[in-house]
């Protein structure tokens, strides 16, 4: 580790520490789009057999709690770079006395040291935690080492080529927002707070994880609104269902890769 990397990760940790105090949990709990996308991530993940799983970037613990309560006979570990998020996740687990899961504060640089190689047969990353790592290629090596032979990685990313947002912002003449994801550094979702991160195209992701066997992919919020526009369909289930179903049909076209999020499943 070096001072430059330490400074980078300290800023990411500070951002999410602050996020934890700004009502992150409450906002997520009422977001129907976030919930729908999250449930689809879980549906894909649970197609694959596993006994020991690791979540990278657990936030306040929505998913590690769900997995630990749904699969009491399996073991779960979760990490987050934010100390405050780890506290929220541990509180969530403690509330229901879930003993088959543990949460620790860490970034991807220390995972081998904390868990050891060949420790998991499933690693999942939801809602783009790997967009905030400094070196995606290094992260892919760490994930490969952590997985047992034939282990599965279910990884989601904030997409570089989000076509709907680009076109909408161009029509509004918001050129800075329209092209924000395409640059080398992306500032995150907030208009008031800067989070140094990176958006990745599907080709970049597949190249970074080329040591794995690629199994499947899926795109999200192609036509269906992204989670931060949930207010547009929250009270209109018919519209939400229609747009969601259209997105499912678009998976068979090249437009699968032009949504707000992409999901990939790799096998070691």
C-alpha atoms as a PDB file:
ATOM      1  CA  UNK A   1       0.000   0.000   0.000  1.00  0.00           C
ATOM      2  CA  UNK A   2       1.207   3.532  -0.659  1.00  0.00           C
ATOM      3  CA  UNK A   3       0.264   7.001   0.512  1.00  0.00           C
ATOM      4  CA  UNK A   4      -1.553   7.850  -2.733  1.00  0.00           C
ATOM      5  CA  UNK A   5      -3.732   4.750  -2.513  1.00  0.00           C
ATOM      6  CA  UNK A   6      -4.370   5.327   1.190  1.00  0.00           C
ATOM      7  CA  UNK A   7      -5.524   8.879   0.440  1.00  0.00           C
ATOM      8  CA  UNK A   8      -7.823   7.665  -2.353  1.00  0.00           C
ATOM      9  CA  UNK A   9      -9.499   5.029  -0.193  1.00  0.00           C
ATOM     10  CA  UNK A  10      -9.743   7.380   2.793  1.00  0.00           C
ATOM     11  CA  UNK A  11     -11.797   9.785   0.652  1.00  0.00           C
ATOM     12  CA  UNK A  12     -14.086   6.962  -0.492  1.00  0.00           C
ATOM     13  CA  UNK A  13     -14.540   5.828   3.124  1.00  0.00           C
ATOM     14  CA  UNK A  14     -15.312   9.384   4.266  1.00  0.00           C
ATOM     15  CA  UNK A  15     -17.921   9.745   1.508  1.00  0.00           C
ATOM     16  CA  UNK A  16     -19.794   6.632   2.592  1.00  0.00           C
ATOM     17  CA  UNK A  17     -19.378   7.406   6.291  1.00  0.00           C
ATOM     18  CA  UNK A  18     -21.233  10.638   5.587  1.00  0.00           C
ATOM     19  CA  UNK A  19     -23.780   8.786   3.434  1.00  0.00           C
ATOM     20  CA  UNK A  20     -24.590   6.559   6.403  1.00  0.00           C
ATOM     21  CA  UNK A  21     -25.635   9.639   8.409  1.00  0.00           C
ATOM     22  CA  UNK A  22     -27.738  11.203   5.628  1.00  0.00           C
ATOM     23  CA  UNK A  23     -30.678   8.807   5.668  1.00  0.00           C
ATOM     24  CA  UNK A  24     -29.254   6.222   3.254  1.00  0.00           C
ATOM     25  CA  UNK A  25     -31.215   3.360   4.833  1.00  0.00           C
ATOM     26  CA  UNK A  26     -34.511   5.222   4.968  1.00  0.00           C
ATOM     27  CA  UNK A  27     -34.275   6.283   1.323  1.00  0.00           C
ATOM     28  CA  UNK A  28     -33.422   2.770   0.195  1.00  0.00           C
ATOM     29  CA  UNK A  29     -36.306   1.228   2.132  1.00  0.00           C
ATOM     30  CA  UNK A  30     -38.930   3.161   0.154  1.00  0.00           C
ATOM     31  CA  UNK A  31     -37.270   2.901  -3.265  1.00  0.00           C
ATOM     32  CA  UNK A  32     -39.302   0.437  -5.329  1.00  0.00           C
ATOM     33  CA  UNK A  33     -36.871   0.450  -8.261  1.00  0.00           C
ATOM     34  CA  UNK A  34     -33.902  -0.267  -6.020  1.00  0.00           C
ATOM     35  CA  UNK A  35     -35.844  -3.125  -4.463  1.00  0.00           C
ATOM     36  CA  UNK A  36     -36.828  -4.610  -7.803  1.00  0.00           C
ATOM     37  CA  UNK A  37     -33.299  -4.489  -9.186  1.00  0.00           C
ATOM     38  CA  UNK A  38     -31.846  -5.884  -5.951  1.00  0.00           C
ATOM     39  CA  UNK A  39     -34.270  -8.820  -6.008  1.00  0.00           C
ATOM     40  CA  UNK A  40     -33.245  -9.632  -9.570  1.00  0.00           C
ATOM     41  CA  UNK A  41     -29.559  -9.575  -8.548  1.00  0.00           C
ATOM     42  CA  UNK A  42     -30.414 -12.069  -5.780  1.00  0.00           C
ATOM     43  CA  UNK A  43     -32.434 -14.269  -8.129  1.00  0.00           C
ATOM     44  CA  UNK A  44     -29.479 -14.620 -10.475  1.00  0.00           C
ATOM     45  CA  UNK A  45     -26.993 -15.148  -7.640  1.00  0.00           C
ATOM     46  CA  UNK A  46     -28.966 -17.922  -5.964  1.00  0.00           C
ATOM     47  CA  UNK A  47     -29.066 -20.005  -9.151  1.00  0.00           C
ATOM     48  CA  UNK A  48     -25.530 -21.074  -8.252  1.00  0.00           C
ATOM     49  CA  UNK A  49     -24.654 -23.490  -5.467  1.00  0.00           C
ATOM     50  CA  UNK A  50     -22.502 -22.215  -2.607  1.00  0.00           C
ATOM     51  CA  UNK A  51     -21.681 -22.753   1.060  1.00  0.00           C
ATOM     52  CA  UNK A  52     -19.388 -19.829   1.920  1.00  0.00           C
ATOM     53  CA  UNK A  53     -20.072 -16.400   0.446  1.00  0.00           C
ATOM     54  CA  UNK A  54     -18.451 -12.969   0.597  1.00  0.00           C
ATOM     55  CA  UNK A  55     -20.133  -9.652  -0.145  1.00  0.00           C
ATOM     56  CA  UNK A  56     -17.840  -6.789  -1.147  1.00  0.00           C
ATOM     57  CA  UNK A  57     -19.332  -3.357  -0.482  1.00  0.00           C
ATOM     58  CA  UNK A  58     -22.178  -4.387   1.817  1.00  0.00           C
ATOM     59  CA  UNK A  59     -23.356  -0.885   2.758  1.00  0.00           C
ATOM     60  CA  UNK A  60     -25.880  -1.012   5.620  1.00  0.00           C
ATOM     61  CA  UNK A  61     -26.250  -4.764   5.217  1.00  0.00           C
ATOM     62  CA  UNK A  62     -29.475  -5.250   3.263  1.00  0.00           C
ATOM     63  CA  UNK A  63     -28.115  -8.169   1.271  1.00  0.00           C
ATOM     64  CA  UNK A  64     -25.894  -9.948   3.776  1.00  0.00           C
ATOM     65  CA  UNK A  65     -28.877  -9.890   6.162  1.00  0.00           C
ATOM     66  CA  UNK A  66     -31.181 -11.308   3.491  1.00  0.00           C
ATOM     67  CA  UNK A  67     -28.751 -14.062   2.539  1.00  0.00           C
ATOM     68  CA  UNK A  68     -27.946 -15.004   6.136  1.00  0.00           C
ATOM     69  CA  UNK A  69     -31.628 -15.204   7.102  1.00  0.00           C
ATOM     70  CA  UNK A  70     -32.648 -17.020   3.904  1.00  0.00           C
ATOM     71  CA  UNK A  71     -29.810 -19.571   4.100  1.00  0.00           C
ATOM     72  CA  UNK A  72     -29.211 -20.295   7.819  1.00  0.00           C
ATOM     73  CA  UNK A  73     -27.132 -23.370   6.952  1.00  0.00           C
ATOM     74  CA  UNK A  74     -24.569 -21.355   4.957  1.00  0.00           C
ATOM     75  CA  UNK A  75     -21.800 -18.961   6.015  1.00  0.00           C
ATOM     76  CA  UNK A  76     -21.486 -15.312   5.028  1.00  0.00           C
ATOM     77  CA  UNK A  77     -18.891 -12.596   5.334  1.00  0.00           C
ATOM     78  CA  UNK A  78     -19.342  -8.994   4.266  1.00  0.00           C
ATOM     79  CA  UNK A  79     -16.944  -6.074   3.983  1.00  0.00           C
ATOM     80  CA  UNK A  80     -17.313  -2.366   3.445  1.00  0.00           C
ATOM     81  CA  UNK A  81     -14.784   0.438   3.309  1.00  0.00           C
ATOM     82  CA  UNK A  82     -16.984   2.631   5.542  1.00  0.00           C
ATOM     83  CA  UNK A  83     -16.821   2.152   9.294  1.00  0.00           C
ATOM     84  CA  UNK A  84     -20.292   3.668   9.693  1.00  0.00           C
ATOM     85  CA  UNK A  85     -21.805   1.333   7.093  1.00  0.00           C
ATOM     86  CA  UNK A  86     -20.224  -1.648   8.848  1.00  0.00           C
ATOM     87  CA  UNK A  87     -21.848  -0.537  12.111  1.00  0.00           C
ATOM     88  CA  UNK A  88     -25.255  -0.357  10.421  1.00  0.00           C
ATOM     89  CA  UNK A  89     -24.806  -3.785   8.830  1.00  0.00           C
ATOM     90  CA  UNK A  90     -23.709  -5.404  12.082  1.00  0.00           C
ATOM     91  CA  UNK A  91     -26.646  -3.816  13.906  1.00  0.00           C
ATOM     92  CA  UNK A  92     -28.994  -5.297  11.315  1.00  0.00           C
ATOM     93  CA  UNK A  93     -27.515  -8.777  11.799  1.00  0.00           C
ATOM     94  CA  UNK A  94     -27.522  -8.487  15.583  1.00  0.00           C
ATOM     95  CA  UNK A  95     -31.186  -7.485  15.646  1.00  0.00           C
ATOM     96  CA  UNK A  96     -32.185 -10.886  14.269  1.00  0.00           C
ATOM     97  CA  UNK A  97     -29.341 -12.751  16.003  1.00  0.00           C
ATOM     98  CA  UNK A  98     -27.902 -14.023  12.734  1.00  0.00           C
ATOM     99  CA  UNK A  99     -24.798 -15.926  13.789  1.00  0.00           C
ATOM    100  CA  UNK A 100     -23.902 -17.244  10.329  1.00  0.00           C
ATOM    101  CA  UNK A 101     -22.710 -13.840   9.083  1.00  0.00           C
ATOM    102  CA  UNK A 102     -19.960 -11.409  10.033  1.00  0.00           C
ATOM    103  CA  UNK A 103     -19.097  -7.913   8.846  1.00  0.00           C
ATOM    104  CA  UNK A 104     -15.708  -6.217   8.875  1.00  0.00           C
ATOM    105  CA  UNK A 105     -14.291  -2.949   7.618  1.00  0.00           C
ATOM    106  CA  UNK A 106     -11.927  -3.436   4.698  1.00  0.00           C
ATOM    107  CA  UNK A 107     -11.184  -2.481   1.125  1.00  0.00           C
ATOM    108  CA  UNK A 108     -10.195  -5.007  -1.528  1.00  0.00           C
ATOM    109  CA  UNK A 109      -6.461  -4.611  -0.899  1.00  0.00           C
ATOM    110  CA  UNK A 110      -6.610  -6.480   2.434  1.00  0.00           C
ATOM    111  CA  UNK A 111      -9.059  -9.270   1.651  1.00  0.00           C
ATOM    112  CA  UNK A 112      -6.474 -12.018   1.143  1.00  0.00           C
ATOM    113  CA  UNK A 113      -4.811 -11.077   4.422  1.00  0.00           C
ATOM    114  CA  UNK A 114      -8.139 -11.147   6.281  1.00  0.00           C
ATOM    115  CA  UNK A 115      -9.709 -14.256   4.749  1.00  0.00           C
ATOM    116  CA  UNK A 116      -7.001 -16.231   2.962  1.00  0.00           C
ATOM    117  CA  UNK A 117      -6.982 -17.715  -0.532  1.00  0.00           C
ATOM    118  CA  UNK A 118      -9.615 -20.265  -1.636  1.00  0.00           C
ATOM    119  CA  UNK A 119     -11.980 -19.201   1.164  1.00  0.00           C
ATOM    120  CA  UNK A 120     -15.248 -18.720  -0.727  1.00  0.00           C
ATOM    121  CA  UNK A 121     -17.276 -20.415  -3.419  1.00  0.00           C
ATOM    122  CA  UNK A 122     -19.377 -17.283  -4.021  1.00  0.00           C
ATOM    123  CA  UNK A 123     -18.453 -13.603  -4.106  1.00  0.00           C
ATOM    124  CA  UNK A 124     -21.073 -11.012  -4.976  1.00  0.00           C
ATOM    125  CA  UNK A 125     -20.885  -7.257  -5.471  1.00  0.00           C
ATOM    126  CA  UNK A 126     -24.148  -5.354  -5.848  1.00  0.00           C
ATOM    127  CA  UNK A 127     -24.731  -1.782  -7.030  1.00  0.00           C
ATOM    128  CA  UNK A 128     -21.267  -1.019  -8.268  1.00  0.00           C
ATOM    129  CA  UNK A 129     -18.915  -1.176  -5.280  1.00  0.00           C
ATOM    130  CA  UNK A 130     -16.112  -2.074  -7.706  1.00  0.00           C
ATOM    131  CA  UNK A 131     -16.622   1.270  -9.459  1.00  0.00           C
ATOM    132  CA  UNK A 132     -14.854   2.879  -6.504  1.00  0.00           C
ATOM    133  CA  UNK A 133     -11.718   0.713  -6.506  1.00  0.00           C
ATOM    134  CA  UNK A 134      -8.571   2.311  -7.823  1.00  0.00           C
ATOM    135  CA  UNK A 135      -7.479  -0.612 -10.005  1.00  0.00           C
ATOM    136  CA  UNK A 136     -10.104  -3.011 -11.375  1.00  0.00           C
ATOM    137  CA  UNK A 137      -7.467  -5.420 -12.693  1.00  0.00           C
ATOM    138  CA  UNK A 138      -5.953  -5.742  -9.219  1.00  0.00           C
ATOM    139  CA  UNK A 139      -9.418  -6.326  -7.737  1.00  0.00           C
ATOM    140  CA  UNK A 140     -10.103  -9.105 -10.231  1.00  0.00           C
ATOM    141  CA  UNK A 141      -6.887 -10.856  -9.153  1.00  0.00           C
ATOM    142  CA  UNK A 142      -7.911 -10.624  -5.512  1.00  0.00           C
ATOM    143  CA  UNK A 143     -11.366 -12.036  -6.242  1.00  0.00           C
ATOM    144  CA  UNK A 144      -9.810 -14.868  -8.230  1.00  0.00           C
ATOM    145  CA  UNK A 145      -7.519 -15.750  -5.314  1.00  0.00           C
ATOM    146  CA  UNK A 146     -10.340 -15.604  -2.770  1.00  0.00           C
ATOM    147  CA  UNK A 147     -12.520 -18.018  -4.743  1.00  0.00           C
ATOM    148  CA  UNK A 148     -12.181 -21.770  -4.621  1.00  0.00           C
ATOM    149  CA  UNK A 149     -11.869 -23.710  -7.886  1.00  0.00           C
ATOM    150  CA  UNK A 150     -15.138 -23.366  -9.857  1.00  0.00           C
ATOM    151  CA  UNK A 151     -16.237 -20.572  -7.507  1.00  0.00           C
ATOM    152  CA  UNK A 152     -18.719 -17.970  -8.770  1.00  0.00           C
ATOM    153  CA  UNK A 153     -18.435 -14.176  -8.876  1.00  0.00           C
ATOM    154  CA  UNK A 154     -21.629 -12.147  -9.435  1.00  0.00           C
ATOM    155  CA  UNK A 155     -20.519  -8.593 -10.109  1.00  0.00           C
ATOM    156  CA  UNK A 156     -22.507  -5.465 -10.935  1.00  0.00           C
ATOM    157  CA  UNK A 157     -21.197  -2.182 -12.289  1.00  0.00           C
ATOM    158  CA  UNK A 158     -22.351   1.354 -12.944  1.00  0.00           C
ATOM    159  CA  UNK A 159     -22.234   1.363 -16.740  1.00  0.00           C
ATOM    160  CA  UNK A 160     -20.129   3.738 -18.782  1.00  0.00           C
ATOM    161  CA  UNK A 161     -22.528   3.733 -21.737  1.00  0.00           C
ATOM    162  CA  UNK A 162     -25.899   4.590 -20.228  1.00  0.00           C
ATOM    163  CA  UNK A 163     -27.622   5.577 -23.454  1.00  0.00           C
ATOM    164  CA  UNK A 164     -30.967   6.780 -22.053  1.00  0.00           C
ATOM    165  CA  UNK A 165     -29.340   9.230 -19.625  1.00  0.00           C
ATOM    166  CA  UNK A 166     -26.909  10.478 -22.237  1.00  0.00           C
ATOM    167  CA  UNK A 167     -29.697  11.258 -24.714  1.00  0.00           C
ATOM    168  CA  UNK A 168     -31.996  12.830 -22.121  1.00  0.00           C
ATOM    169  CA  UNK A 169     -29.284  15.134 -20.811  1.00  0.00           C
ATOM    170  CA  UNK A 170     -28.215  16.105 -24.329  1.00  0.00           C
ATOM    171  CA  UNK A 171     -31.796  17.123 -25.114  1.00  0.00           C
ATOM    172  CA  UNK A 172     -31.749  19.249 -21.962  1.00  0.00           C
ATOM    173  CA  UNK A 173     -28.393  20.736 -23.081  1.00  0.00           C
ATOM    174  CA  UNK A 174     -26.796  19.434 -19.876  1.00  0.00           C
ATOM    175  CA  UNK A 175     -23.590  18.451 -21.648  1.00  0.00           C
ATOM    176  CA  UNK A 176     -21.486  18.048 -18.517  1.00  0.00           C
ATOM    177  CA  UNK A 177     -23.953  15.554 -17.022  1.00  0.00           C
ATOM    178  CA  UNK A 178     -24.501  13.813 -20.367  1.00  0.00           C
ATOM    179  CA  UNK A 179     -20.826  12.927 -20.757  1.00  0.00           C
ATOM    180  CA  UNK A 180     -19.892  12.583 -17.067  1.00  0.00           C
ATOM    181  CA  UNK A 181     -19.632   8.781 -17.159  1.00  0.00           C
ATOM    182  CA  UNK A 182     -17.527   8.679 -20.298  1.00  0.00           C
ATOM    183  CA  UNK A 183     -14.499  10.404 -18.760  1.00  0.00           C
ATOM    184  CA  UNK A 184     -11.706   8.645 -16.926  1.00  0.00           C
ATOM    185  CA  UNK A 185     -13.074   9.734 -13.543  1.00  0.00           C
ATOM    186  CA  UNK A 186     -16.745   9.929 -12.571  1.00  0.00           C
ATOM    187  CA  UNK A 187     -17.948  11.994  -9.612  1.00  0.00           C
ATOM    188  CA  UNK A 188     -20.773   9.726  -8.483  1.00  0.00           C
ATOM    189  CA  UNK A 189     -24.510  10.357  -8.289  1.00  0.00           C
ATOM    190  CA  UNK A 190     -24.636  13.333  -5.947  1.00  0.00           C
ATOM    191  CA  UNK A 191     -24.723  16.827  -7.421  1.00  0.00           C
ATOM    192  CA  UNK A 192     -23.330  18.286  -4.186  1.00  0.00           C
ATOM    193  CA  UNK A 193     -20.680  15.755  -3.142  1.00  0.00           C
ATOM    194  CA  UNK A 194     -17.845  14.338  -5.238  1.00  0.00           C
ATOM    195  CA  UNK A 195     -16.983  10.637  -5.148  1.00  0.00           C
ATOM    196  CA  UNK A 196     -13.949   9.762  -7.239  1.00  0.00           C
ATOM    197  CA  UNK A 197     -14.956   6.631  -9.100  1.00  0.00           C
ATOM    198  CA  UNK A 198     -14.882   5.016 -12.540  1.00  0.00           C
ATOM    199  CA  UNK A 199     -17.593   3.810 -14.903  1.00  0.00           C
ATOM    200  CA  UNK A 200     -16.819   0.671 -16.898  1.00  0.00           C
ATOM    201  CA  UNK A 201     -18.018  -0.555 -20.264  1.00  0.00           C
ATOM    202  CA  UNK A 202     -18.822  -4.273 -20.639  1.00  0.00           C
ATOM    203  CA  UNK A 203     -15.669  -4.736 -22.693  1.00  0.00           C
ATOM    204  CA  UNK A 204     -13.499  -3.264 -19.934  1.00  0.00           C
ATOM    205  CA  UNK A 205     -15.137  -5.541 -17.353  1.00  0.00           C
ATOM    206  CA  UNK A 206     -14.677  -8.678 -19.449  1.00  0.00           C
ATOM    207  CA  UNK A 207     -11.053  -7.783 -20.138  1.00  0.00           C
ATOM    208  CA  UNK A 208     -10.323  -7.198 -16.444  1.00  0.00           C
ATOM    209  CA  UNK A 209     -11.853 -10.579 -15.554  1.00  0.00           C
ATOM    210  CA  UNK A 210     -10.448 -12.486 -18.527  1.00  0.00           C
ATOM    211  CA  UNK A 211      -8.825 -15.074 -16.235  1.00  0.00           C
ATOM    212  CA  UNK A 212     -12.358 -16.236 -15.378  1.00  0.00           C
ATOM    213  CA  UNK A 213     -14.847 -18.166 -17.479  1.00  0.00           C
ATOM    214  CA  UNK A 214     -17.695 -15.867 -18.491  1.00  0.00           C
ATOM    215  CA  UNK A 215     -21.127 -17.406 -17.766  1.00  0.00           C
ATOM    216  CA  UNK A 216     -23.787 -14.723 -18.275  1.00  0.00           C
ATOM    217  CA  UNK A 217     -24.586 -11.032 -18.280  1.00  0.00           C
ATOM    218  CA  UNK A 218     -27.602  -8.753 -17.902  1.00  0.00           C
ATOM    219  CA  UNK A 219     -28.365  -5.049 -18.232  1.00  0.00           C
ATOM    220  CA  UNK A 220     -30.617  -2.937 -15.989  1.00  0.00           C
ATOM    221  CA  UNK A 221     -32.555   0.313 -16.390  1.00  0.00           C
ATOM    222  CA  UNK A 222     -32.333   0.398 -20.161  1.00  0.00           C
ATOM    223  CA  UNK A 223     -35.848   1.826 -20.449  1.00  0.00           C
ATOM    224  CA  UNK A 224     -36.909   1.148 -16.863  1.00  0.00           C
ATOM    225  CA  UNK A 225     -35.977   4.178 -14.715  1.00  0.00           C
ATOM    226  CA  UNK A 226     -32.783   3.984 -12.642  1.00  0.00           C
ATOM    227  CA  UNK A 227     -33.198   3.878  -8.879  1.00  0.00           C
ATOM    228  CA  UNK A 228     -32.662   7.628  -8.519  1.00  0.00           C
ATOM    229  CA  UNK A 229     -35.703   8.252 -10.750  1.00  0.00           C
ATOM    230  CA  UNK A 230     -37.940   5.904  -8.789  1.00  0.00           C
ATOM    231  CA  UNK A 231     -40.400   8.747  -8.148  1.00  0.00           C
ATOM    232  CA  UNK A 232     -41.416   8.569 -11.807  1.00  0.00           C
ATOM    233  CA  UNK A 233     -42.945   5.094 -11.480  1.00  0.00           C
ATOM    234  CA  UNK A 234     -43.394   4.573  -7.721  1.00  0.00           C
ATOM    235  CA  UNK A 235     -47.151   5.147  -7.857  1.00  0.00           C
ATOM    236  CA  UNK A 236     -47.690   3.645 -11.302  1.00  0.00           C
ATOM    237  CA  UNK A 237     -47.148  -0.111 -11.085  1.00  0.00           C
ATOM    238  CA  UNK A 238     -48.573  -0.741 -14.542  1.00  0.00           C
ATOM    239  CA  UNK A 239     -46.039   1.594 -16.143  1.00  0.00           C
ATOM    240  CA  UNK A 240     -43.227   0.144 -14.025  1.00  0.00           C
ATOM    241  CA  UNK A 241     -44.112  -3.429 -15.036  1.00  0.00           C
ATOM    242  CA  UNK A 242     -44.315  -2.495 -18.710  1.00  0.00           C
ATOM    243  CA  UNK A 243     -40.885  -0.844 -18.732  1.00  0.00           C
ATOM    244  CA  UNK A 244     -39.340  -3.669 -16.702  1.00  0.00           C
ATOM    245  CA  UNK A 245     -40.704  -6.268 -19.138  1.00  0.00           C
ATOM    246  CA  UNK A 246     -39.403  -4.278 -22.098  1.00  0.00           C
ATOM    247  CA  UNK A 247     -35.956  -4.352 -20.523  1.00  0.00           C
ATOM    248  CA  UNK A 248     -36.170  -8.153 -20.283  1.00  0.00           C
ATOM    249  CA  UNK A 249     -36.874  -8.377 -24.017  1.00  0.00           C
ATOM    250  CA  UNK A 250     -33.947  -6.081 -24.800  1.00  0.00           C
ATOM    251  CA  UNK A 251     -31.520  -8.522 -23.159  1.00  0.00           C
ATOM    252  CA  UNK A 252     -31.431 -10.375 -26.492  1.00  0.00           C
ATOM    253  CA  UNK A 253     -30.220  -7.260 -28.311  1.00  0.00           C
ATOM    254  CA  UNK A 254     -27.079  -5.144 -28.095  1.00  0.00           C
ATOM    255  CA  UNK A 255     -29.063  -2.665 -26.013  1.00  0.00           C
ATOM    256  CA  UNK A 256     -28.588  -4.933 -22.960  1.00  0.00           C
ATOM    257  CA  UNK A 257     -25.239  -3.142 -22.550  1.00  0.00           C
ATOM    258  CA  UNK A 258     -26.669   0.379 -22.678  1.00  0.00           C
ATOM    259  CA  UNK A 259     -28.470   0.462 -19.322  1.00  0.00           C
ATOM    260  CA  UNK A 260     -27.604   2.098 -16.025  1.00  0.00           C
ATOM    261  CA  UNK A 261     -26.160  -1.075 -14.500  1.00  0.00           C
ATOM    262  CA  UNK A 262     -24.590  -4.210 -15.903  1.00  0.00           C
ATOM    263  CA  UNK A 263     -24.310  -7.574 -14.177  1.00  0.00           C
ATOM    264  CA  UNK A 264     -21.771 -10.287 -14.968  1.00  0.00           C
ATOM    265  CA  UNK A 265     -21.363 -13.826 -13.706  1.00  0.00           C
ATOM    266  CA  UNK A 266     -17.867 -15.325 -13.864  1.00  0.00           C
ATOM    267  CA  UNK A 267     -16.550 -18.697 -12.781  1.00  0.00           C
ATOM    268  CA  UNK A 268     -13.029 -19.437 -11.603  1.00  0.00           C
END
